[in-house]
């Protein structure tokens, strides 16, 4: 073999050995996909523990003024606070932001209507 061929073979062999040796410590890993983050609004507070047919002789107090915090998302709708009946007295249930129920675009808030026997509680609903 002539000197040029030997030098070429030696260079190739050295590169192959170092190239393989360099790969022995390498670890190839796939990047994990980013975690899926699901943001859900806090569940609404429980409704007043009063059935729809509550009748009270005295009218409810004037609505309380509520300061609305910023909505968690522009699509949320404000569900205003209301006076419920609990334990023989009116209790204020604060308003909150809620994602509209599919197919509905507004909230009809809980309220009291005067009837022939007194004030009747009417539960809120999506409209």
Protein backbone atom coordinates (compact mmCIF):
# COMPACT_ATOMS: atom_id res chain seq x y z
CA UNK A 1 0.00 0.00 0.00
CA UNK A 2 1.27 3.37 -0.74
CA UNK A 3 1.65 6.06 1.81
CA UNK A 4 -1.35 8.17 0.65
CA UNK A 5 -3.74 5.24 0.80
CA UNK A 6 -2.47 4.26 4.27
CA UNK A 7 -2.86 7.82 5.52
CA UNK A 8 -6.38 7.98 4.11
CA UNK A 9 -7.32 4.65 5.72
CA UNK A 10 -5.80 5.73 9.02
CA UNK A 11 -7.68 9.03 8.97
CA UNK A 12 -10.95 7.24 8.13
CA UNK A 13 -10.37 4.71 10.91
CA UNK A 14 -9.59 7.40 13.48
CA UNK A 15 -12.66 9.39 12.50
CA UNK A 16 -14.84 6.27 12.66
CA UNK A 17 -13.51 5.32 16.12
CA UNK A 18 -13.91 8.83 17.54
CA UNK A 19 -17.25 9.23 15.83
CA UNK A 20 -18.58 6.02 17.37
CA UNK A 21 -17.01 6.75 20.71
CA UNK A 22 -18.64 10.15 20.74
CA UNK A 23 -22.05 8.56 20.18
CA UNK A 24 -21.67 5.97 22.95
CA UNK A 25 -22.55 8.50 25.64
CA UNK A 26 -25.32 10.23 23.68
CA UNK A 27 -28.92 9.81 24.62
CA UNK A 28 -31.52 10.67 22.07
CA UNK A 29 -34.88 11.51 23.55
CA UNK A 30 -38.08 12.86 22.19
CA UNK A 31 -39.35 16.10 23.58
CA UNK A 32 -42.42 15.47 25.67
CA UNK A 33 -45.47 17.33 24.43
CA UNK A 34 -46.39 20.29 26.60
CA UNK A 35 -48.86 19.43 29.35
CA UNK A 36 -52.49 20.02 28.56
CA UNK A 37 -53.82 22.80 30.75
CA UNK A 38 -57.54 22.99 31.24
CA UNK A 39 -58.87 26.11 32.87
CA UNK A 40 -62.29 25.73 34.38
CA UNK A 41 -64.20 28.39 36.19
CA UNK A 42 -64.92 27.83 39.82
CA UNK A 43 -68.24 26.07 40.16
CA UNK A 44 -71.08 28.38 41.02
CA UNK A 45 -72.04 28.54 44.66
CA UNK A 46 -74.89 26.28 45.63
CA UNK A 47 -78.31 27.69 44.96
CA UNK A 48 -80.35 28.86 47.87
CA UNK A 49 -81.63 25.82 49.69
CA UNK A 50 -85.19 26.93 49.09
CA UNK A 51 -87.68 25.19 46.83
CA UNK A 52 -89.48 27.13 44.10
CA UNK A 53 -92.70 27.36 46.09
CA UNK A 54 -91.38 29.37 49.04
CA UNK A 55 -93.93 31.98 50.07
CA UNK A 56 -92.96 34.73 52.49
CA UNK A 57 -95.24 37.41 53.91
CA UNK A 58 -92.65 40.18 54.10
CA UNK A 59 -91.03 41.63 50.96
CA UNK A 60 -87.32 41.00 50.35
CA UNK A 61 -84.85 43.77 51.25
CA UNK A 62 -83.47 45.99 48.49
CA UNK A 63 -80.81 44.29 46.39
CA UNK A 64 -77.27 44.71 47.63
CA UNK A 65 -74.84 46.58 45.43
CA UNK A 66 -72.23 44.18 44.11
CA UNK A 67 -68.84 45.08 42.69
CA UNK A 68 -68.23 42.73 39.78
CA UNK A 69 -64.68 41.42 39.55
CA UNK A 70 -63.27 41.17 36.02
CA UNK A 71 -64.68 38.17 34.13
CA UNK A 72 -62.37 35.15 33.82
CA UNK A 73 -63.13 35.10 30.10
CA UNK A 74 -64.99 37.55 27.80
CA UNK A 75 -67.64 34.92 27.06
CA UNK A 76 -68.77 34.65 30.70
CA UNK A 77 -72.05 36.19 31.87
CA UNK A 78 -72.66 37.79 35.24
CA UNK A 79 -75.18 35.88 37.36
CA UNK A 80 -76.37 38.58 39.74
CA UNK A 81 -76.86 38.08 43.46
CA UNK A 82 -80.30 37.65 44.98
CA UNK A 83 -82.15 37.30 48.26
CA UNK A 84 -82.90 33.72 49.15
CA UNK A 85 -84.91 32.39 52.09
CA UNK A 86 -83.02 30.27 54.58
CA UNK A 87 -83.62 29.54 58.26
CA UNK A 88 -86.72 31.70 58.45
CA UNK A 89 -85.03 34.84 57.11
CA UNK A 90 -83.74 36.46 53.92
CA UNK A 91 -80.10 35.67 53.09
CA UNK A 92 -78.08 37.38 50.35
CA UNK A 93 -76.43 35.07 47.79
CA UNK A 94 -73.59 36.86 46.00
CA UNK A 95 -73.34 37.07 42.22
CA UNK A 96 -70.66 35.31 40.19
CA UNK A 97 -69.38 34.86 36.63
CA UNK A 98 -70.58 31.78 34.76
CA UNK A 99 -70.04 30.38 31.28
CA UNK A 100 -73.40 30.42 29.48
CA UNK A 101 -75.15 27.10 29.08
CA UNK A 102 -74.99 25.94 25.46
CA UNK A 103 -77.73 27.53 23.37
CA UNK A 104 -78.51 30.25 25.93
CA UNK A 105 -77.32 33.84 25.85
CA UNK A 106 -78.49 35.51 29.05
CA UNK A 107 -79.38 34.86 32.68
CA UNK A 108 -82.77 35.60 34.19
CA UNK A 109 -81.90 36.17 37.81
CA UNK A 110 -83.58 34.73 40.89
CA UNK A 111 -86.25 37.05 42.22
CA UNK A 112 -89.42 37.36 44.28
CA UNK A 113 -92.88 38.03 42.85
CA UNK A 114 -95.82 39.26 44.85
CA UNK A 115 -98.69 36.79 44.77
CA UNK A 116 -102.10 36.56 46.45
CA UNK A 117 -100.63 34.71 49.47
CA UNK A 118 -97.36 36.66 49.80
CA UNK A 119 -94.00 36.89 48.04
CA UNK A 120 -93.11 33.84 45.94
CA UNK A 121 -89.50 32.88 45.21
CA UNK A 122 -88.74 32.35 41.49
CA UNK A 123 -85.49 30.51 40.76
CA UNK A 124 -83.14 32.00 38.14
CA UNK A 125 -82.66 30.32 34.77
CA UNK A 126 -80.83 30.60 31.45
CA UNK A 127 -82.68 32.25 28.59
